[in-house]
Amino acid sequence: MILFSIIIPTSNRPDGLKALLESIIRSESDKATFEVIIVENGGESVCEKLCSGYKRKLDIKYHFRKARGFSAAEARNIGIAEARGKYILFFDDDVILEPDCIKEHLFYHLKNDKLKIVFGFRNNILNDAKINPKLGVIDEDYRINLKLDLMDESGLWYYAYSCNLSINVTKGKQYFDNNFKTWGNEDQEFAYRLVKDDFEVIIGKKCFVQHYTDSKIRSPFLRDKYGLDSDYKDFLLSRVYFVKKHWNDVDLRNFILEDLKLYERCNDKWIRNTTPNSNFQFNEFVKSLNFEY
């Protein structure tokens, strides 16, 4: 019986995907209770043969989404539509699971029948000399040290990243918004909507993955942090779509607008500052981004 489904979007990362699949095989969970759904994004299929090689070890299915550009939201939705499990776990193709990660996710879901979204943590393993000459250095997930006791629980959705996330779908499947076409925000908006639909956000204190971080990372935040060339435009395009979609939520609108004040265009790139722009005008900001959602 399939209890849960693991959905992995991937894009031209066969080595990373292989490492992730090997970590799933090493997990402490019974292989007969879950399925793995791989959805490859992009212009060509490079992982189909790799996935076929795991059919004797895992209940694995492969889908290819031929498209220009990468849409994690669409890829995950293909997996969600196919999923047979009562619970869905999402992982990215550049992480490796700790042996008890899956078991710990299920622990929270099986405690009771409440609708839940569980987010776990990722530690960045610096795996590229361009980032750190000492390979293998571990950069701990900043969310581990959040003063969560001081936070309003209704805001926990903000920390739910889809690289290590699970949801309960016993009362109906939940989907990402396919209109997110650029990097970032689709997972936070997904968690935000689930909270509005009475999902409880759970901090998976023992749900850990290791994120192998090299100079090809997509996140402009990590690229900035590790001294790599970065551009926040894609993130900002999806951020603007997020706030415009939920404009009537005043608290959310004010929160995102305050965040947007930190960004500006400089030498044809979008950068993040440490202090907000006191002359920020949202309409002008959107115009400068060439927002066309």
C-alpha atoms as a PDB file:
ATOM      1  CA  MET A   1       0.000   0.000   0.000  1.00  0.00           C
ATOM      2  CA  ILE A   2       1.356   3.414  -0.970  1.00  0.00           C
ATOM      3  CA  LEU A   3       1.247   5.643   2.106  1.00  0.00           C
ATOM      4  CA  PHE A   4       3.173   8.595   0.730  1.00  0.00           C
ATOM      5  CA  SER A   5       4.538  10.009  -2.512  1.00  0.00           C
ATOM      6  CA  ILE A   6       7.891  11.705  -2.985  1.00  0.00           C
ATOM      7  CA  ILE A   7       7.922  14.343  -5.739  1.00  0.00           C
ATOM      8  CA  ILE A   8      11.203  15.621  -7.164  1.00  0.00           C
ATOM      9  CA  PRO A   9      11.421  18.263  -9.913  1.00  0.00           C
ATOM     10  CA  THR A  10      14.753  18.157 -11.716  1.00  0.00           C
ATOM     11  CA  SER A  11      16.519  20.060 -14.454  1.00  0.00           C
ATOM     12  CA  ASN A  12      19.734  18.776 -16.015  1.00  0.00           C
ATOM     13  CA  ARG A  13      21.208  17.511 -12.742  1.00  0.00           C
ATOM     14  CA  PRO A  14      21.653  13.752 -13.222  1.00  0.00           C
ATOM     15  CA  ASP A  15      24.508  13.512 -10.708  1.00  0.00           C
ATOM     16  CA  GLY A  16      22.557  15.367  -8.043  1.00  0.00           C
ATOM     17  CA  LEU A  17      19.418  13.348  -8.729  1.00  0.00           C
ATOM     18  CA  LYS A  18      21.357  10.099  -8.471  1.00  0.00           C
ATOM     19  CA  ALA A  19      22.776  11.107  -5.097  1.00  0.00           C
ATOM     20  CA  LEU A  20      19.271  11.979  -3.866  1.00  0.00           C
ATOM     21  CA  LEU A  21      17.806   8.668  -5.049  1.00  0.00           C
ATOM     22  CA  GLU A  22      20.611   6.765  -3.323  1.00  0.00           C
ATOM     23  CA  SER A  23      19.831   8.603  -0.094  1.00  0.00           C
ATOM     24  CA  ILE A  24      16.146   7.656  -0.450  1.00  0.00           C
ATOM     25  CA  ILE A  25      17.165   4.012  -0.812  1.00  0.00           C
ATOM     26  CA  ARG A  26      19.250   4.306   2.368  1.00  0.00           C
ATOM     27  CA  SER A  27      16.345   5.835   4.295  1.00  0.00           C
ATOM     28  CA  GLU A  28      14.847   4.068   7.286  1.00  0.00           C
ATOM     29  CA  SER A  29      11.400   3.884   5.670  1.00  0.00           C
ATOM     30  CA  ASP A  30       9.822   0.754   4.195  1.00  0.00           C
ATOM     31  CA  LYS A  31      10.221   0.992   0.399  1.00  0.00           C
ATOM     32  CA  ALA A  32       6.851  -0.722  -0.096  1.00  0.00           C
ATOM     33  CA  THR A  33       5.039   2.227   1.481  1.00  0.00           C
ATOM     34  CA  PHE A  34       6.090   4.979  -0.911  1.00  0.00           C
ATOM     35  CA  GLU A  35       6.518   5.954  -4.532  1.00  0.00           C
ATOM     36  CA  VAL A  36       8.975   8.372  -6.143  1.00  0.00           C
ATOM     37  CA  ILE A  37       7.831  10.680  -8.938  1.00  0.00           C
ATOM     38  CA  ILE A  38      10.491  12.470 -10.978  1.00  0.00           C
ATOM     39  CA  VAL A  39       9.446  15.374 -13.212  1.00  0.00           C
ATOM     40  CA  GLU A  40      12.191  16.668 -15.481  1.00  0.00           C
ATOM     41  CA  ASN A  41      11.917  20.269 -16.615  1.00  0.00           C
ATOM     42  CA  GLY A  42      13.544  21.770 -19.655  1.00  0.00           C
ATOM     43  CA  GLY A  43      14.411  21.393 -23.303  1.00  0.00           C
ATOM     44  CA  GLU A  44      15.727  17.833 -23.279  1.00  0.00           C
ATOM     45  CA  SER A  45      15.430  14.637 -21.299  1.00  0.00           C
ATOM     46  CA  VAL A  46      18.707  13.693 -19.618  1.00  0.00           C
ATOM     47  CA  CYS A  47      17.504  11.723 -16.570  1.00  0.00           C
ATOM     48  CA  GLU A  48      15.075   9.165 -18.023  1.00  0.00           C
ATOM     49  CA  LYS A  49      17.692   6.430 -18.377  1.00  0.00           C
ATOM     50  CA  LEU A  50      18.975   7.142 -14.879  1.00  0.00           C
ATOM     51  CA  CYS A  51      15.477   6.773 -13.414  1.00  0.00           C
ATOM     52  CA  SER A  52      14.853   3.538 -15.336  1.00  0.00           C
ATOM     53  CA  GLY A  53      17.886   2.066 -13.614  1.00  0.00           C
ATOM     54  CA  TYR A  54      16.185   2.411 -10.229  1.00  0.00           C
ATOM     55  CA  LYS A  55      12.971   0.539 -11.054  1.00  0.00           C
ATOM     56  CA  ARG A  56      14.148  -2.595  -9.262  1.00  0.00           C
ATOM     57  CA  LYS A  57      14.978  -0.626  -6.133  1.00  0.00           C
ATOM     58  CA  LEU A  58      12.141   1.896  -5.961  1.00  0.00           C
ATOM     59  CA  ASP A  59       8.566   2.377  -7.128  1.00  0.00           C
ATOM     60  CA  ILE A  60       9.683   5.180  -9.425  1.00  0.00           C
ATOM     61  CA  LYS A  61       7.929   7.053 -12.229  1.00  0.00           C
ATOM     62  CA  TYR A  62       9.485   9.516 -14.653  1.00  0.00           C
ATOM     63  CA  HIS A  63       7.791  12.388 -16.478  1.00  0.00           C
ATOM     64  CA  PHE A  64       9.342  14.810 -18.915  1.00  0.00           C
ATOM     65  CA  ARG A  65       7.987  18.339 -19.189  1.00  0.00           C
ATOM     66  CA  LYS A  66       9.342  19.815 -22.404  1.00  0.00           C
ATOM     67  CA  ALA A  67       9.421  23.552 -21.941  1.00  0.00           C
ATOM     68  CA  ARG A  68      11.512  26.625 -22.343  1.00  0.00           C
ATOM     69  CA  GLY A  69      12.727  27.603 -18.935  1.00  0.00           C
ATOM     70  CA  PHE A  70      12.261  26.036 -15.544  1.00  0.00           C
ATOM     71  CA  SER A  71       8.954  26.023 -13.664  1.00  0.00           C
ATOM     72  CA  ALA A  72       9.196  24.185 -10.365  1.00  0.00           C
ATOM     73  CA  ALA A  73       5.501  24.873  -9.707  1.00  0.00           C
ATOM     74  CA  GLU A  74       4.354  23.153 -12.905  1.00  0.00           C
ATOM     75  CA  ALA A  75       6.742  20.250 -12.383  1.00  0.00           C
ATOM     76  CA  ARG A  76       5.504  19.620  -8.847  1.00  0.00           C
ATOM     77  CA  ASN A  77       1.888  19.857  -9.999  1.00  0.00           C
ATOM     78  CA  ILE A  78       2.462  17.111 -12.558  1.00  0.00           C
ATOM     79  CA  GLY A  79       3.733  14.972  -9.703  1.00  0.00           C
ATOM     80  CA  ILE A  80       0.838  15.899  -7.410  1.00  0.00           C
ATOM     81  CA  ALA A  81      -1.715  14.919 -10.055  1.00  0.00           C
ATOM     82  CA  GLU A  82      -0.029  11.512 -10.375  1.00  0.00           C
ATOM     83  CA  ALA A  83       0.522  10.925  -6.649  1.00  0.00           C
ATOM     84  CA  ARG A  84      -1.256   8.030  -4.921  1.00  0.00           C
ATOM     85  CA  GLY A  85      -0.135   8.695  -1.355  1.00  0.00           C
ATOM     86  CA  LYS A  86      -2.060  10.201   1.545  1.00  0.00           C
ATOM     87  CA  TYR A  87       0.940  12.400   2.194  1.00  0.00           C
ATOM     88  CA  ILE A  88       3.243  14.124  -0.278  1.00  0.00           C
ATOM     89  CA  LEU A  89       6.898  14.905   0.343  1.00  0.00           C
ATOM     90  CA  PHE A  90       8.769  17.414  -1.819  1.00  0.00           C
ATOM     91  CA  PHE A  91      12.542  17.419  -2.245  1.00  0.00           C
ATOM     92  CA  ASP A  92      14.818  19.286  -4.662  1.00  0.00           C
ATOM     93  CA  ASP A  93      17.348  17.541  -6.895  1.00  0.00           C
ATOM     94  CA  ASP A  94      20.391  18.994  -5.118  1.00  0.00           C
ATOM     95  CA  VAL A  95      19.780  17.603  -1.627  1.00  0.00           C
ATOM     96  CA  ILE A  96      20.635  14.353   0.137  1.00  0.00           C
ATOM     97  CA  LEU A  97      18.325  13.044   2.848  1.00  0.00           C
ATOM     98  CA  GLU A  98      19.409  12.138   6.327  1.00  0.00           C
ATOM     99  CA  PRO A  99      18.403   8.476   6.929  1.00  0.00           C
ATOM    100  CA  ASP A 100      15.516   9.408   9.247  1.00  0.00           C
ATOM    101  CA  CYS A 101      14.233  12.440   7.294  1.00  0.00           C
ATOM    102  CA  ILE A 102      11.249  10.683   5.686  1.00  0.00           C
ATOM    103  CA  LYS A 103      10.359   8.870   8.913  1.00  0.00           C
ATOM    104  CA  GLU A 104      10.379  12.146  10.819  1.00  0.00           C
ATOM    105  CA  HIS A 105       8.083  13.840   8.289  1.00  0.00           C
ATOM    106  CA  LEU A 106       5.611  10.983   8.620  1.00  0.00           C
ATOM    107  CA  PHE A 107       5.827  11.097  12.414  1.00  0.00           C
ATOM    108  CA  TYR A 108       4.128  14.501  12.414  1.00  0.00           C
ATOM    109  CA  HIS A 109       1.472  13.535   9.896  1.00  0.00           C
ATOM    110  CA  LEU A 110       0.541  10.263  11.583  1.00  0.00           C
ATOM    111  CA  LYS A 111       0.093  11.815  15.023  1.00  0.00           C
ATOM    112  CA  ASN A 112      -3.480  12.830  14.134  1.00  0.00           C
ATOM    113  CA  ASP A 113      -5.730  13.610  11.159  1.00  0.00           C
ATOM    114  CA  LYS A 114      -5.240  17.371  11.204  1.00  0.00           C
ATOM    115  CA  LEU A 115      -4.231  18.994   7.923  1.00  0.00           C
ATOM    116  CA  LYS A 116      -0.548  19.836   8.159  1.00  0.00           C
ATOM    117  CA  ILE A 117       2.340  21.257   6.220  1.00  0.00           C
ATOM    118  CA  VAL A 118       5.691  20.194   7.668  1.00  0.00           C
ATOM    119  CA  PHE A 119       8.902  21.985   6.760  1.00  0.00           C
ATOM    120  CA  GLY A 120      12.332  20.602   7.483  1.00  0.00           C
ATOM    121  CA  PHE A 121      15.809  22.071   7.395  1.00  0.00           C
ATOM    122  CA  ARG A 122      18.686  22.082   4.950  1.00  0.00           C
ATOM    123  CA  ASN A 123      22.333  22.472   5.804  1.00  0.00           C
ATOM    124  CA  ASN A 124      24.447  23.793   2.943  1.00  0.00           C
ATOM    125  CA  ILE A 125      27.520  21.691   2.241  1.00  0.00           C
ATOM    126  CA  LEU A 126      29.944  23.928   0.364  1.00  0.00           C
ATOM    127  CA  ASN A 127      31.120  21.775  -2.495  1.00  0.00           C
ATOM    128  CA  ASP A 128      32.902  24.193  -4.798  1.00  0.00           C
ATOM    129  CA  ALA A 129      36.265  25.906  -4.423  1.00  0.00           C
ATOM    130  CA  LYS A 130      34.744  29.069  -5.903  1.00  0.00           C
ATOM    131  CA  ILE A 131      32.661  29.325  -2.727  1.00  0.00           C
ATOM    132  CA  ASN A 132      35.113  27.999  -0.173  1.00  0.00           C
ATOM    133  CA  PRO A 133      38.566  26.498  -0.835  1.00  0.00           C
ATOM    134  CA  LYS A 134      37.949  24.054   2.008  1.00  0.00           C
ATOM    135  CA  LEU A 135      35.410  21.701   0.469  1.00  0.00           C
ATOM    136  CA  GLY A 136      32.781  20.078   2.632  1.00  0.00           C
ATOM    137  CA  VAL A 137      32.337  22.973   5.053  1.00  0.00           C
ATOM    138  CA  ILE A 138      28.807  22.903   6.484  1.00  0.00           C
ATOM    139  CA  ASP A 139      26.815  26.127   6.626  1.00  0.00           C
ATOM    140  CA  GLU A 140      23.929  25.569   9.032  1.00  0.00           C
ATOM    141  CA  ASP A 141      20.371  26.472   8.017  1.00  0.00           C
ATOM    142  CA  TYR A 142      19.630  29.899   9.482  1.00  0.00           C
ATOM    143  CA  ARG A 143      16.069  28.842  10.309  1.00  0.00           C
ATOM    144  CA  ILE A 144      17.331  26.445  12.988  1.00  0.00           C
ATOM    145  CA  ASN A 145      18.194  29.369  15.236  1.00  0.00           C
ATOM    146  CA  LEU A 146      15.028  31.391  14.769  1.00  0.00           C
ATOM    147  CA  LYS A 147      13.446  32.539  18.000  1.00  0.00           C
ATOM    148  CA  LEU A 148      10.286  30.679  17.100  1.00  0.00           C
ATOM    149  CA  ASP A 149       8.772  31.231  20.532  1.00  0.00           C
ATOM    150  CA  LEU A 150       8.572  34.943  19.690  1.00  0.00           C
ATOM    151  CA  MET A 151       6.908  34.414  16.319  1.00  0.00           C
ATOM    152  CA  ASP A 152       3.247  34.549  15.467  1.00  0.00           C
ATOM    153  CA  GLU A 153       2.490  30.996  14.311  1.00  0.00           C
ATOM    154  CA  SER A 154       0.393  32.353  11.462  1.00  0.00           C
ATOM    155  CA  GLY A 155       3.626  33.609   9.874  1.00  0.00           C
ATOM    156  CA  LEU A 156       5.453  30.287   9.863  1.00  0.00           C
ATOM    157  CA  TRP A 157       4.441  29.730   6.219  1.00  0.00           C
ATOM    158  CA  TYR A 158       7.215  32.161   5.282  1.00  0.00           C
ATOM    159  CA  TYR A 159       9.849  29.605   6.319  1.00  0.00           C
ATOM    160  CA  ALA A 160       8.365  26.653   4.410  1.00  0.00           C
ATOM    161  CA  TYR A 161      10.827  25.898   1.594  1.00  0.00           C
ATOM    162  CA  SER A 162       9.930  23.204  -0.910  1.00  0.00           C
ATOM    163  CA  CYS A 163      13.386  21.626  -0.904  1.00  0.00           C
ATOM    164  CA  ASN A 164      12.252  19.703   2.216  1.00  0.00           C
ATOM    165  CA  LEU A 165       8.496  19.917   2.691  1.00  0.00           C
ATOM    166  CA  SER A 166       5.501  17.619   3.206  1.00  0.00           C
ATOM    167  CA  ILE A 167       1.715  17.979   3.207  1.00  0.00           C
ATOM    168  CA  ASN A 168      -1.373  15.974   4.076  1.00  0.00           C
ATOM    169  CA  VAL A 169      -3.705  15.403   1.087  1.00  0.00           C
ATOM    170  CA  THR A 170      -6.228  13.071   2.729  1.00  0.00           C
ATOM    171  CA  LYS A 171      -8.967  15.686   2.239  1.00  0.00           C
ATOM    172  CA  GLY A 172      -8.030  16.677  -1.292  1.00  0.00           C
ATOM    173  CA  LYS A 173      -4.953  17.496  -3.319  1.00  0.00           C
ATOM    174  CA  GLN A 174      -3.369  20.909  -3.091  1.00  0.00           C
ATOM    175  CA  TYR A 175      -1.507  22.452  -6.028  1.00  0.00           C
ATOM    176  CA  PHE A 176       1.124  25.099  -6.600  1.00  0.00           C
ATOM    177  CA  ASP A 177       0.269  28.122  -8.730  1.00  0.00           C
ATOM    178  CA  ASN A 178       1.506  27.486 -12.281  1.00  0.00           C
ATOM    179  CA  ASN A 179       1.757  31.229 -12.882  1.00  0.00           C
ATOM    180  CA  PHE A 180       5.065  31.304 -11.024  1.00  0.00           C
ATOM    181  CA  LYS A 181       7.426  31.129 -13.988  1.00  0.00           C
ATOM    182  CA  THR A 182      10.671  32.354 -12.404  1.00  0.00           C
ATOM    183  CA  TRP A 183      12.761  31.310  -9.412  1.00  0.00           C
ATOM    184  CA  GLY A 184      11.348  31.605  -5.907  1.00  0.00           C
ATOM    185  CA  ASN A 185       8.165  32.417  -3.979  1.00  0.00           C
ATOM    186  CA  GLU A 186       6.002  29.592  -5.361  1.00  0.00           C
ATOM    187  CA  ASP A 187       6.634  27.504  -2.244  1.00  0.00           C
ATOM    188  CA  GLN A 188       5.947  30.340   0.195  1.00  0.00           C
ATOM    189  CA  GLU A 189       2.750  31.292  -1.645  1.00  0.00           C
ATOM    190  CA  PHE A 190       1.709  27.631  -1.604  1.00  0.00           C
ATOM    191  CA  ALA A 191       2.226  27.436   2.169  1.00  0.00           C
ATOM    192  CA  TYR A 192       0.469  30.791   2.655  1.00  0.00           C
ATOM    193  CA  ARG A 193      -2.654  29.506   0.863  1.00  0.00           C
ATOM    194  CA  LEU A 194      -2.639  26.269   2.843  1.00  0.00           C
ATOM    195  CA  VAL A 195      -2.551  28.216   6.102  1.00  0.00           C
ATOM    196  CA  LYS A 196      -5.558  30.205   4.874  1.00  0.00           C
ATOM    197  CA  ASP A 197      -7.267  26.842   4.277  1.00  0.00           C
ATOM    198  CA  ASP A 198      -6.679  25.838   7.925  1.00  0.00           C
ATOM    199  CA  PHE A 199      -3.503  23.822   7.494  1.00  0.00           C
ATOM    200  CA  GLU A 200      -1.245  23.827  10.535  1.00  0.00           C
ATOM    201  CA  VAL A 201       2.429  24.611   9.898  1.00  0.00           C
ATOM    202  CA  ILE A 202       4.745  22.227  11.745  1.00  0.00           C
ATOM    203  CA  ILE A 203       8.459  22.779  12.252  1.00  0.00           C
ATOM    204  CA  GLY A 204      10.104  19.438  11.475  1.00  0.00           C
ATOM    205  CA  LYS A 205      12.875  19.732  14.028  1.00  0.00           C
ATOM    206  CA  LYS A 206      14.457  16.421  12.990  1.00  0.00           C
ATOM    207  CA  CYS A 207      13.694  16.553   9.257  1.00  0.00           C
ATOM    208  CA  PHE A 208      17.106  17.305   7.757  1.00  0.00           C
ATOM    209  CA  VAL A 209      18.609  17.261   4.295  1.00  0.00           C
ATOM    210  CA  GLN A 210      22.097  18.175   3.169  1.00  0.00           C
ATOM    211  CA  HIS A 211      22.105  20.714   0.344  1.00  0.00           C
ATOM    212  CA  TYR A 212      25.159  20.309  -1.896  1.00  0.00           C
ATOM    213  CA  THR A 213      25.985  23.881  -2.797  1.00  0.00           C
ATOM    214  CA  ASP A 214      28.193  24.748  -5.767  1.00  0.00           C
ATOM    215  CA  SER A 215      28.736  27.757  -8.005  1.00  0.00           C
ATOM    216  CA  LYS A 216      25.719  26.793 -10.166  1.00  0.00           C
ATOM    217  CA  ILE A 217      23.163  27.382  -7.425  1.00  0.00           C
ATOM    218  CA  ARG A 218      20.044  29.256  -8.558  1.00  0.00           C
ATOM    219  CA  SER A 219      19.243  31.109  -5.346  1.00  0.00           C
ATOM    220  CA  PRO A 220      20.393  34.754  -5.609  1.00  0.00           C
ATOM    221  CA  PHE A 221      20.484  34.870  -1.793  1.00  0.00           C
ATOM    222  CA  LEU A 222      22.998  32.041  -1.584  1.00  0.00           C
ATOM    223  CA  ARG A 223      24.937  33.378  -4.552  1.00  0.00           C
ATOM    224  CA  ASP A 224      25.188  36.712  -2.764  1.00  0.00           C
ATOM    225  CA  LYS A 225      26.143  35.060   0.505  1.00  0.00           C
ATOM    226  CA  TYR A 226      28.973  33.073  -1.059  1.00  0.00           C
ATOM    227  CA  GLY A 227      30.373  35.897  -3.179  1.00  0.00           C
ATOM    228  CA  LEU A 228      29.051  34.717  -6.552  1.00  0.00           C
ATOM    229  CA  ASP A 229      27.577  36.893  -9.298  1.00  0.00           C
ATOM    230  CA  SER A 230      23.877  37.367  -8.520  1.00  0.00           C
ATOM    231  CA  ASP A 231      20.766  39.004  -9.936  1.00  0.00           C
ATOM    232  CA  TYR A 232      17.477  39.135  -7.999  1.00  0.00           C
ATOM    233  CA  LYS A 233      15.240  39.934 -10.974  1.00  0.00           C
ATOM    234  CA  ASP A 234      13.611  36.496 -11.291  1.00  0.00           C
ATOM    235  CA  PHE A 235      12.938  36.402  -7.560  1.00  0.00           C
ATOM    236  CA  LEU A 236      11.423  39.891  -7.668  1.00  0.00           C
ATOM    237  CA  LEU A 237       9.166  39.076 -10.613  1.00  0.00           C
ATOM    238  CA  SER A 238       7.632  36.214  -8.683  1.00  0.00           C
ATOM    239  CA  ARG A 239       7.541  38.306  -5.485  1.00  0.00           C
ATOM    240  CA  VAL A 240       5.542  40.999  -7.229  1.00  0.00           C
ATOM    241  CA  TYR A 241       3.156  38.388  -8.637  1.00  0.00           C
ATOM    242  CA  PHE A 242       2.704  37.010  -5.102  1.00  0.00           C
ATOM    243  CA  VAL A 243       1.730  40.355  -3.595  1.00  0.00           C
ATOM    244  CA  LYS A 244      -0.499  41.384  -6.507  1.00  0.00           C
ATOM    245  CA  LYS A 245      -2.351  38.075  -6.323  1.00  0.00           C
ATOM    246  CA  HIS A 246      -3.141  38.586  -2.625  1.00  0.00           C
ATOM    247  CA  TRP A 247      -3.310  42.373  -2.613  1.00  0.00           C
ATOM    248  CA  ASN A 248      -6.398  42.458  -0.404  1.00  0.00           C
ATOM    249  CA  ASP A 249      -4.527  40.846   2.477  1.00  0.00           C
ATOM    250  CA  VAL A 250      -3.267  44.068   4.060  1.00  0.00           C
ATOM    251  CA  ASP A 251      -0.804  42.401   6.443  1.00  0.00           C
ATOM    252  CA  LEU A 252       0.780  40.355   3.672  1.00  0.00           C
ATOM    253  CA  ARG A 253       0.854  43.358   1.347  1.00  0.00           C
ATOM    254  CA  ASN A 254       2.614  45.548   3.890  1.00  0.00           C
ATOM    255  CA  PHE A 255       5.081  42.802   4.737  1.00  0.00           C
ATOM    256  CA  ILE A 256       6.099  42.215   1.102  1.00  0.00           C
ATOM    257  CA  LEU A 257       6.201  45.903   0.201  1.00  0.00           C
ATOM    258  CA  GLU A 258       8.593  46.514   3.090  1.00  0.00           C
ATOM    259  CA  ASP A 259      10.799  43.719   1.779  1.00  0.00           C
ATOM    260  CA  LEU A 260      10.730  45.069  -1.800  1.00  0.00           C
ATOM    261  CA  LYS A 261      12.155  48.373  -0.560  1.00  0.00           C
ATOM    262  CA  LEU A 262      15.504  46.610  -0.094  1.00  0.00           C
ATOM    263  CA  TYR A 263      15.999  46.004  -3.822  1.00  0.00           C
ATOM    264  CA  GLU A 264      17.114  48.262  -6.637  1.00  0.00           C
ATOM    265  CA  ARG A 265      18.390  48.065 -10.173  1.00  0.00           C
ATOM    266  CA  CYS A 266      22.108  48.696 -10.530  1.00  0.00           C
ATOM    267  CA  ASN A 267      24.165  48.255 -13.720  1.00  0.00           C
ATOM    268  CA  ASP A 268      21.455  46.175 -15.411  1.00  0.00           C
ATOM    269  CA  LYS A 269      21.139  43.841 -12.419  1.00  0.00           C
ATOM    270  CA  TRP A 270      18.891  43.790  -9.395  1.00  0.00           C
ATOM    271  CA  ILE A 271      20.696  43.893  -6.081  1.00  0.00           C
ATOM    272  CA  ARG A 272      19.646  43.622  -2.440  1.00  0.00           C
ATOM    273  CA  ASN A 273      20.606  46.372  -0.008  1.00  0.00           C
ATOM    274  CA  THR A 274      20.775  46.321   3.772  1.00  0.00           C
ATOM    275  CA  THR A 275      18.666  49.453   4.186  1.00  0.00           C
ATOM    276  CA  PRO A 276      15.274  50.215   2.594  1.00  0.00           C
ATOM    277  CA  ASN A 277      14.751  52.782  -0.135  1.00  0.00           C
ATOM    278  CA  SER A 278      12.910  55.712   1.448  1.00  0.00           C
ATOM    279  CA  ASN A 279      11.672  56.826  -2.010  1.00  0.00           C
ATOM    280  CA  PHE A 280      10.176  53.463  -2.935  1.00  0.00           C
ATOM    281  CA  GLN A 281       7.121  53.590  -5.218  1.00  0.00           C
ATOM    282  CA  PHE A 282       5.540  50.228  -5.974  1.00  0.00           C
ATOM    283  CA  ASN A 283       4.182  51.098  -9.430  1.00  0.00           C
ATOM    284  CA  GLU A 284       7.522  52.493 -10.549  1.00  0.00           C
ATOM    285  CA  PHE A 285       9.271  49.448  -9.122  1.00  0.00           C
ATOM    286  CA  VAL A 286       7.000  47.098 -11.095  1.00  0.00           C
ATOM    287  CA  LYS A 287       7.539  49.117 -14.250  1.00  0.00           C
ATOM    288  CA  SER A 288      11.316  48.924 -13.844  1.00  0.00           C
ATOM    289  CA  LEU A 289      11.089  45.137 -13.569  1.00  0.00           C
ATOM    290  CA  ASN A 290       9.154  44.902 -16.856  1.00  0.00           C
ATOM    291  CA  PHE A 291       6.604  42.830 -14.963  1.00  0.00           C
ATOM    292  CA  GLU A 292       4.344  40.956 -17.412  1.00  0.00           C
ATOM    293  CA  TYR A 293       2.660  38.186 -15.395  1.00  0.00           C
END
